[in-house]
Amino acid sequence: MANLVQVEPIALMPTQGGCAVFLGNGKKVIYFFIDPSIGASINSVLAQQAPARPLTHDLFMMTLESFGAQVLRVIIIKMVDEIYYARIIFEAENELQEKKIIELDARPSDCIALAVRAHCPIYVVENLWNQLPDVSDTLEEMRKAAADDSSDE
């Protein structure tokens, strides 16, 4: 397995084009844009807010659990033409007590939405991590702008 950097979602910020998700490891922050509905799905878990009805990611988690499967980890593996690719790794155990590890291709945003629900680690392949710029300053600027906007009201 490639060298991995463990990260966690540290912020979700609305943008003109949708939602920016910021991932960090305490030393560096990266970001990418996701669909606003998935951003809301991730944010509801991070804010410990239960929706009135299950969201798609909640339904998927309930389905996994009913089949005896669990999310072990997610890995953001590469970026091609500014599109990120990720893998989600599950463990399933059938009625014969045979364990099976399943790895699926998935959008990073869906991986993060499931990872926060499963309380499992999120990783970025180290080579990719090292290529991406640190956007800690951008995040702070966005936070300050959001705070200024809310204080003007």
N, C-alpha and C. Protein backbone atom coordinates (compact mmCIF):
# COMPACT_ATOMS: atom_id res chain seq x y z
N MET A 1 0.85 -1.18 0.00
CA MET A 1 0.00 0.00 0.00
C MET A 1 0.90 1.24 0.00
N ALA A 2 0.48 2.23 -0.76
CA ALA A 2 1.24 3.48 -0.86
C ALA A 2 1.29 4.18 0.49
N ASN A 3 2.25 5.07 0.64
CA ASN A 3 2.31 5.88 1.85
C ASN A 3 1.11 6.80 1.87
N LEU A 4 0.50 6.92 3.02
CA LEU A 4 -0.73 7.69 3.15
C LEU A 4 -0.59 8.76 4.22
N VAL A 5 -1.32 9.86 4.02
CA VAL A 5 -1.39 10.94 4.99
C VAL A 5 -2.83 10.97 5.51
N GLN A 6 -2.99 10.84 6.82
CA GLN A 6 -4.33 10.88 7.38
C GLN A 6 -4.77 12.34 7.52
N VAL A 7 -6.01 12.59 7.08
CA VAL A 7 -6.58 13.94 7.12
C VAL A 7 -7.97 13.86 7.74
N GLU A 8 -8.51 15.03 8.01
CA GLU A 8 -9.89 15.09 8.49
C GLU A 8 -10.54 16.35 7.92
N PRO A 9 -11.85 16.32 7.78
CA PRO A 9 -12.53 17.53 7.30
C PRO A 9 -12.46 18.60 8.39
N ILE A 10 -11.94 19.77 8.02
CA ILE A 10 -11.81 20.83 9.01
C ILE A 10 -12.73 22.00 8.73
N ALA A 11 -13.26 22.06 7.50
CA ALA A 11 -14.21 23.13 7.19
C ALA A 11 -14.95 22.81 5.90
N LEU A 12 -16.18 23.28 5.85
CA LEU A 12 -16.97 23.28 4.62
C LEU A 12 -17.45 24.70 4.45
N MET A 13 -17.14 25.28 3.32
CA MET A 13 -17.48 26.68 3.09
C MET A 13 -18.30 26.82 1.81
N PRO A 14 -19.40 27.57 1.89
CA PRO A 14 -20.16 27.81 0.65
C PRO A 14 -19.35 28.69 -0.30
N THR A 15 -19.48 28.41 -1.58
CA THR A 15 -18.82 29.20 -2.61
C THR A 15 -19.84 29.54 -3.68
N GLN A 16 -19.46 30.39 -4.61
CA GLN A 16 -20.38 30.74 -5.69
C GLN A 16 -20.73 29.52 -6.53
N GLY A 17 -19.79 28.58 -6.65
CA GLY A 17 -20.02 27.40 -7.47
C GLY A 17 -20.50 26.19 -6.70
N GLY A 18 -20.71 26.29 -5.42
CA GLY A 18 -21.15 25.14 -4.64
C GLY A 18 -20.63 25.15 -3.23
N CYS A 19 -19.71 24.22 -2.95
CA CYS A 19 -19.19 24.06 -1.60
C CYS A 19 -17.73 23.64 -1.69
N ALA A 20 -16.89 24.23 -0.86
CA ALA A 20 -15.48 23.83 -0.77
C ALA A 20 -15.31 23.03 0.51
N VAL A 21 -14.72 21.85 0.38
CA VAL A 21 -14.41 21.04 1.55
C VAL A 21 -12.90 21.14 1.77
N PHE A 22 -12.53 21.45 3.00
CA PHE A 22 -11.12 21.60 3.38
C PHE A 22 -10.73 20.40 4.23
N LEU A 23 -9.64 19.76 3.86
CA LEU A 23 -9.11 18.62 4.59
C LEU A 23 -7.73 19.00 5.11
N GLY A 24 -7.43 18.61 6.34
CA GLY A 24 -6.13 18.96 6.91
C GLY A 24 -5.59 17.88 7.81
N ASN A 25 -4.29 18.00 8.08
CA ASN A 25 -3.62 17.06 8.98
C ASN A 25 -2.92 17.77 10.14
N GLY A 26 -3.26 19.03 10.38
CA GLY A 26 -2.63 19.79 11.45
C GLY A 26 -1.41 20.57 10.98
N LYS A 27 -0.88 20.22 9.81
CA LYS A 27 0.29 20.91 9.27
C LYS A 27 -0.03 21.58 7.95
N LYS A 28 -1.00 21.06 7.25
CA LYS A 28 -1.32 21.52 5.90
C LYS A 28 -2.81 21.34 5.66
N VAL A 29 -3.36 22.18 4.79
CA VAL A 29 -4.78 22.12 4.43
C VAL A 29 -4.88 22.09 2.91
N ILE A 30 -5.73 21.20 2.39
CA ILE A 30 -6.04 21.17 0.96
C ILE A 30 -7.55 21.36 0.82
N TYR A 31 -7.99 21.63 -0.39
CA TYR A 31 -9.43 21.74 -0.60
C TYR A 31 -9.80 21.34 -2.02
N PHE A 32 -11.08 21.04 -2.18
CA PHE A 32 -11.65 20.83 -3.50
C PHE A 32 -13.13 21.13 -3.40
N PHE A 33 -13.75 21.28 -4.55
CA PHE A 33 -15.15 21.67 -4.59
C PHE A 33 -16.05 20.44 -4.72
N ILE A 34 -17.19 20.51 -4.02
CA ILE A 34 -18.15 19.42 -4.06
C ILE A 34 -19.55 19.99 -4.26
N ASP A 35 -20.48 19.11 -4.57
CA ASP A 35 -21.87 19.49 -4.72
C ASP A 35 -22.41 20.00 -3.39
N PRO A 36 -23.19 21.08 -3.39
CA PRO A 36 -23.70 21.62 -2.13
C PRO A 36 -24.53 20.62 -1.31
N SER A 37 -25.26 19.74 -1.98
CA SER A 37 -26.08 18.77 -1.23
C SER A 37 -25.20 17.78 -0.46
N ILE A 38 -24.06 17.40 -1.03
CA ILE A 38 -23.16 16.49 -0.31
C ILE A 38 -22.45 17.25 0.80
N GLY A 39 -22.14 18.52 0.54
CA GLY A 39 -21.58 19.36 1.60
C GLY A 39 -22.53 19.44 2.79
N ALA A 40 -23.83 19.60 2.50
CA ALA A 40 -24.83 19.65 3.57
C ALA A 40 -24.91 18.31 4.30
N SER A 41 -24.76 17.22 3.56
CA SER A 41 -24.79 15.88 4.17
C SER A 41 -23.61 15.69 5.13
N ILE A 42 -22.43 16.11 4.70
CA ILE A 42 -21.23 16.01 5.55
C ILE A 42 -21.39 16.93 6.76
N ASN A 43 -21.82 18.15 6.51
CA ASN A 43 -21.93 19.15 7.58
C ASN A 43 -22.94 18.73 8.64
N SER A 44 -24.03 18.08 8.24
CA SER A 44 -25.03 17.66 9.23
C SER A 44 -24.44 16.68 10.24
N VAL A 45 -23.57 15.80 9.76
CA VAL A 45 -22.92 14.84 10.66
C VAL A 45 -21.91 15.55 11.55
N LEU A 46 -21.09 16.41 10.94
CA LEU A 46 -20.08 17.12 11.73
C LEU A 46 -20.72 18.01 12.79
N ALA A 47 -21.89 18.57 12.48
CA ALA A 47 -22.60 19.42 13.44
C ALA A 47 -23.50 18.62 14.38
N GLN A 48 -23.47 17.31 14.23
CA GLN A 48 -24.29 16.39 15.05
C GLN A 48 -25.78 16.74 14.97
N GLN A 49 -26.23 17.04 13.76
CA GLN A 49 -27.64 17.34 13.52
C GLN A 49 -28.25 16.17 12.76
N ALA A 50 -29.25 15.58 13.33
CA ALA A 50 -29.93 14.46 12.68
C ALA A 50 -31.03 15.01 11.77
N PRO A 51 -31.01 14.63 10.48
CA PRO A 51 -32.08 15.09 9.60
C PRO A 51 -33.41 14.42 9.97
N ALA A 52 -34.50 15.05 9.58
CA ALA A 52 -35.82 14.49 9.88
C ALA A 52 -36.01 13.12 9.22
N ARG A 53 -35.46 12.96 8.04
CA ARG A 53 -35.52 11.69 7.31
C ARG A 53 -34.10 11.33 6.88
N PRO A 54 -33.81 10.05 6.69
CA PRO A 54 -32.45 9.67 6.30
C PRO A 54 -32.06 10.26 4.94
N LEU A 55 -30.84 10.79 4.88
CA LEU A 55 -30.29 11.25 3.62
C LEU A 55 -29.71 10.05 2.87
N THR A 56 -29.35 10.24 1.63
CA THR A 56 -28.84 9.13 0.81
C THR A 56 -27.67 8.43 1.47
N HIS A 57 -26.74 9.20 2.04
CA HIS A 57 -25.58 8.57 2.70
C HIS A 57 -25.99 7.80 3.95
N ASP A 58 -27.01 8.28 4.65
CA ASP A 58 -27.53 7.55 5.81
C ASP A 58 -28.15 6.23 5.38
N LEU A 59 -28.91 6.27 4.30
CA LEU A 59 -29.54 5.06 3.77
C LEU A 59 -28.47 4.05 3.36
N PHE A 60 -27.43 4.52 2.71
CA PHE A 60 -26.35 3.62 2.30
C PHE A 60 -25.69 2.98 3.52
N MET A 61 -25.44 3.77 4.55
CA MET A 61 -24.83 3.23 5.77
C MET A 61 -25.74 2.19 6.43
N MET A 62 -27.04 2.46 6.46
CA MET A 62 -27.98 1.50 7.05
C MET A 62 -28.00 0.21 6.24
N THR A 63 -27.90 0.33 4.93
CA THR A 63 -27.87 -0.85 4.06
C THR A 63 -26.62 -1.66 4.32
N LEU A 64 -25.47 -0.99 4.40
CA LEU A 64 -24.22 -1.69 4.71
C LEU A 64 -24.33 -2.45 6.02
N GLU A 65 -24.80 -1.76 7.05
CA GLU A 65 -24.93 -2.37 8.37
C GLU A 65 -25.86 -3.58 8.35
N SER A 66 -26.95 -3.49 7.58
CA SER A 66 -27.90 -4.60 7.54
C SER A 66 -27.30 -5.83 6.86
N PHE A 67 -26.29 -5.63 6.01
CA PHE A 67 -25.60 -6.74 5.36
C PHE A 67 -24.32 -7.14 6.09
N GLY A 68 -24.10 -6.57 7.27
CA GLY A 68 -22.92 -6.92 8.05
C GLY A 68 -21.63 -6.34 7.51
N ALA A 69 -21.73 -5.22 6.83
CA ALA A 69 -20.53 -4.58 6.28
C ALA A 69 -20.27 -3.28 7.02
N GLN A 70 -19.02 -2.85 6.96
CA GLN A 70 -18.65 -1.57 7.57
C GLN A 70 -17.59 -0.88 6.72
N VAL A 71 -17.58 0.43 6.79
CA VAL A 71 -16.56 1.21 6.09
C VAL A 71 -15.31 1.21 6.95
N LEU A 72 -14.19 0.80 6.37
CA LEU A 72 -12.92 0.77 7.11
C LEU A 72 -12.13 2.06 6.95
N ARG A 73 -12.05 2.55 5.72
CA ARG A 73 -11.28 3.76 5.44
C ARG A 73 -11.60 4.24 4.04
N VAL A 74 -11.25 5.48 3.78
CA VAL A 74 -11.34 6.03 2.43
C VAL A 74 -9.99 6.64 2.08
N ILE A 75 -9.66 6.59 0.79
CA ILE A 75 -8.37 7.07 0.33
C ILE A 75 -8.57 7.91 -0.92
N ILE A 76 -8.12 9.14 -0.88
CA ILE A 76 -8.10 9.97 -2.07
C ILE A 76 -6.79 9.62 -2.79
N ILE A 77 -6.93 9.06 -3.99
CA ILE A 77 -5.77 8.42 -4.62
C ILE A 77 -5.08 9.22 -5.71
N LYS A 78 -5.83 10.09 -6.40
CA LYS A 78 -5.18 10.83 -7.48
C LYS A 78 -6.04 12.00 -7.91
N MET A 79 -5.42 12.86 -8.74
CA MET A 79 -6.14 13.96 -9.36
C MET A 79 -5.72 13.97 -10.83
N VAL A 80 -6.72 13.98 -11.71
CA VAL A 80 -6.49 14.04 -13.14
C VAL A 80 -7.35 15.16 -13.70
N ASP A 81 -6.74 16.11 -14.39
CA ASP A 81 -7.47 17.25 -14.95
C ASP A 81 -8.34 17.94 -13.89
N GLU A 82 -7.76 18.13 -12.72
CA GLU A 82 -8.40 18.80 -11.59
C GLU A 82 -9.64 18.06 -11.04
N ILE A 83 -9.74 16.77 -11.35
CA ILE A 83 -10.80 15.92 -10.80
C ILE A 83 -10.12 14.91 -9.87
N TYR A 84 -10.61 14.86 -8.63
CA TYR A 84 -10.06 13.94 -7.65
C TYR A 84 -10.74 12.57 -7.76
N TYR A 85 -9.97 11.54 -7.47
CA TYR A 85 -10.47 10.16 -7.47
C TYR A 85 -10.20 9.55 -6.10
N ALA A 86 -11.12 8.71 -5.67
CA ALA A 86 -10.97 8.11 -4.34
C ALA A 86 -11.44 6.66 -4.37
N ARG A 87 -11.07 5.96 -3.33
CA ARG A 87 -11.48 4.57 -3.12
C ARG A 87 -12.05 4.47 -1.72
N ILE A 88 -13.07 3.65 -1.60
CA ILE A 88 -13.65 3.39 -0.28
C ILE A 88 -13.48 1.90 0.00
N ILE A 89 -13.01 1.59 1.18
CA ILE A 89 -12.71 0.20 1.53
C ILE A 89 -13.69 -0.25 2.61
N PHE A 90 -14.37 -1.35 2.31
CA PHE A 90 -15.36 -1.94 3.21
C PHE A 90 -14.87 -3.30 3.68
N GLU A 91 -15.41 -3.73 4.79
CA GLU A 91 -15.24 -5.10 5.22
C GLU A 91 -16.63 -5.68 5.39
N ALA A 92 -16.84 -6.85 4.81
CA ALA A 92 -18.14 -7.52 4.93
C ALA A 92 -17.91 -8.92 5.47
N GLU A 93 -18.87 -9.37 6.24
CA GLU A 93 -18.78 -10.72 6.79
C GLU A 93 -20.12 -11.40 6.53
N ASN A 94 -20.07 -12.56 5.87
CA ASN A 94 -21.33 -13.24 5.55
C ASN A 94 -21.73 -14.21 6.66
N GLU A 95 -22.84 -14.90 6.42
CA GLU A 95 -23.37 -15.80 7.46
C GLU A 95 -22.46 -16.98 7.77
N LEU A 96 -21.49 -17.26 6.90
CA LEU A 96 -20.52 -18.32 7.15
C LEU A 96 -19.29 -17.81 7.89
N GLN A 97 -19.36 -16.56 8.32
CA GLN A 97 -18.26 -15.90 9.03
C GLN A 97 -17.02 -15.72 8.17
N GLU A 98 -17.22 -15.65 6.86
CA GLU A 98 -16.11 -15.37 5.96
C GLU A 98 -16.01 -13.86 5.77
N LYS A 99 -14.83 -13.33 6.02
CA LYS A 99 -14.63 -11.90 5.86
C LYS A 99 -14.14 -11.62 4.45
N LYS A 100 -14.60 -10.48 3.94
CA LYS A 100 -14.22 -10.07 2.60
C LYS A 100 -13.94 -8.57 2.63
N ILE A 101 -12.84 -8.17 2.03
CA ILE A 101 -12.50 -6.75 1.91
C ILE A 101 -12.90 -6.32 0.49
N ILE A 102 -13.64 -5.24 0.41
CA ILE A 102 -14.15 -4.73 -0.86
C ILE A 102 -13.64 -3.32 -1.04
N GLU A 103 -13.10 -3.03 -2.21
CA GLU A 103 -12.60 -1.70 -2.52
C GLU A 103 -13.34 -1.19 -3.75
N LEU A 104 -13.96 -0.02 -3.62
CA LEU A 104 -14.76 0.54 -4.71
C LEU A 104 -14.28 1.94 -5.07
N ASP A 105 -14.39 2.26 -6.35
CA ASP A 105 -14.14 3.60 -6.84
C ASP A 105 -15.32 4.47 -6.42
N ALA A 106 -15.05 5.67 -5.96
CA ALA A 106 -16.13 6.57 -5.53
C ALA A 106 -15.65 8.01 -5.59
N ARG A 107 -16.61 8.92 -5.65
CA ARG A 107 -16.25 10.34 -5.60
C ARG A 107 -15.72 10.66 -4.19
N PRO A 108 -14.69 11.48 -4.10
CA PRO A 108 -14.17 11.84 -2.77
C PRO A 108 -15.25 12.42 -1.85
N SER A 109 -16.16 13.19 -2.41
CA SER A 109 -17.20 13.79 -1.57
C SER A 109 -18.09 12.72 -0.93
N ASP A 110 -18.46 11.69 -1.72
CA ASP A 110 -19.25 10.60 -1.15
C ASP A 110 -18.44 9.81 -0.13
N CYS A 111 -17.15 9.62 -0.42
CA CYS A 111 -16.28 8.93 0.53
C CYS A 111 -16.23 9.66 1.87
N ILE A 112 -16.09 10.97 1.82
CA ILE A 112 -16.02 11.76 3.05
C ILE A 112 -17.35 11.70 3.79
N ALA A 113 -18.46 11.79 3.06
CA ALA A 113 -19.79 11.72 3.69
C ALA A 113 -19.98 10.39 4.42
N LEU A 114 -19.47 9.30 3.84
CA LEU A 114 -19.57 8.00 4.51
C LEU A 114 -18.56 7.88 5.64
N ALA A 115 -17.36 8.40 5.45
CA ALA A 115 -16.33 8.30 6.49
C ALA A 115 -16.74 9.01 7.77
N VAL A 116 -17.35 10.20 7.64
CA VAL A 116 -17.75 10.91 8.86
C VAL A 116 -18.87 10.16 9.58
N ARG A 117 -19.70 9.46 8.84
CA ARG A 117 -20.76 8.66 9.46
C ARG A 117 -20.20 7.41 10.13
N ALA A 118 -19.20 6.80 9.50
CA ALA A 118 -18.62 5.56 10.02
C ALA A 118 -17.51 5.83 11.03
N HIS A 119 -17.14 7.09 11.21
CA HIS A 119 -16.03 7.45 12.11
C HIS A 119 -14.77 6.68 11.74
N CYS A 120 -14.49 6.62 10.43
CA CYS A 120 -13.30 5.92 9.96
C CYS A 120 -12.31 6.92 9.38
N PRO A 121 -11.07 6.51 9.24
CA PRO A 121 -10.03 7.44 8.77
C PRO A 121 -10.18 7.79 7.28
N ILE A 122 -9.72 8.99 6.97
CA ILE A 122 -9.65 9.50 5.60
C ILE A 122 -8.17 9.72 5.31
N TYR A 123 -7.73 9.21 4.18
CA TYR A 123 -6.33 9.33 3.80
C TYR A 123 -6.20 9.98 2.42
N VAL A 124 -5.03 10.58 2.20
CA VAL A 124 -4.63 11.06 0.88
C VAL A 124 -3.30 10.38 0.58
N VAL A 125 -3.16 9.86 -0.64
CA VAL A 125 -1.88 9.25 -1.03
C VAL A 125 -0.80 10.32 -0.90
N GLU A 126 0.29 9.96 -0.25
CA GLU A 126 1.34 10.92 0.09
C GLU A 126 1.88 11.68 -1.12
N ASN A 127 2.09 10.99 -2.24
CA ASN A 127 2.61 11.67 -3.44
C ASN A 127 1.65 12.78 -3.89
N LEU A 128 0.36 12.51 -3.86
CA LEU A 128 -0.63 13.52 -4.22
C LEU A 128 -0.61 14.65 -3.20
N TRP A 129 -0.62 14.30 -1.92
CA TRP A 129 -0.61 15.28 -0.84
C TRP A 129 0.56 16.27 -1.00
N ASN A 130 1.72 15.73 -1.31
CA ASN A 130 2.92 16.56 -1.44
C ASN A 130 2.85 17.50 -2.65
N GLN A 131 2.07 17.14 -3.65
CA GLN A 131 1.94 17.97 -4.86
C GLN A 131 0.96 19.12 -4.67
N LEU A 132 0.06 19.00 -3.72
CA LEU A 132 -1.01 19.98 -3.55
C LEU A 132 -0.54 21.14 -2.68
N PRO A 133 -0.94 22.36 -3.04
CA PRO A 133 -0.53 23.52 -2.24
C PRO A 133 -1.27 23.57 -0.90
N ASP A 134 -0.61 24.15 0.08
CA ASP A 134 -1.23 24.39 1.38
C ASP A 134 -2.12 25.62 1.25
N VAL A 135 -3.41 25.46 1.57
CA VAL A 135 -4.37 26.57 1.44
C VAL A 135 -4.87 27.04 2.81
N SER A 136 -4.04 26.88 3.83
CA SER A 136 -4.42 27.32 5.17
C SER A 136 -4.79 28.80 5.18
N ASP A 137 -4.02 29.63 4.47
CA ASP A 137 -4.29 31.07 4.42
C ASP A 137 -5.62 31.36 3.74
N THR A 138 -5.92 30.63 2.66
CA THR A 138 -7.20 30.80 1.96
C THR A 138 -8.37 30.50 2.89
N LEU A 139 -8.25 29.42 3.66
CA LEU A 139 -9.31 29.05 4.60
C LEU A 139 -9.50 30.16 5.63
N GLU A 140 -8.42 30.67 6.18
CA GLU A 140 -8.54 31.75 7.18
C GLU A 140 -9.19 32.99 6.59
N GLU A 141 -8.83 33.33 5.35
CA GLU A 141 -9.45 34.48 4.69
C GLU A 141 -10.94 34.27 4.49
N MET A 142 -11.32 33.05 4.09
CA MET A 142 -12.75 32.75 3.90
C MET A 142 -13.50 32.81 5.23
N ARG A 143 -12.87 32.31 6.28
CA ARG A 143 -13.50 32.36 7.61
C ARG A 143 -13.69 33.81 8.07
N LYS A 144 -12.67 34.63 7.85
CA LYS A 144 -12.77 36.04 8.24
C LYS A 144 -13.85 36.75 7.44
N ALA A 145 -13.92 36.48 6.15
CA ALA A 145 -14.94 37.12 5.30
C ALA A 145 -16.34 36.69 5.74
N ALA A 146 -16.49 35.42 6.09
CA ALA A 146 -17.80 34.93 6.56
C ALA A 146 -18.16 35.58 7.89
N ALA A 147 -17.18 35.75 8.77
CA ALA A 147 -17.44 36.39 10.07
C ALA A 147 -17.79 37.85 9.88
N ASP A 148 -17.10 38.52 8.96
CA ASP A 148 -17.40 39.93 8.67
C ASP A 148 -18.80 40.08 8.09
N ASP A 149 -19.18 39.16 7.20
CA ASP A 149 -20.51 39.20 6.60
C ASP A 149 -21.61 39.02 7.65
N SER A 150 -21.36 38.12 8.60
CA SER A 150 -22.38 37.86 9.62
C SER A 150 -22.46 39.01 10.63
N SER A 151 -21.35 39.71 10.86
CA SER A 151 -21.39 40.83 11.80
C SER A 151 -22.02 42.07 11.18
N ASP A 152 -22.08 42.14 9.85
CA ASP A 152 -22.70 43.27 9.18
C ASP A 152 -24.23 43.21 9.24
N GLU A 153 -24.77 42.05 9.55
CA GLU A 153 -26.23 41.90 9.55
C GLU A 153 -26.86 42.40 10.81
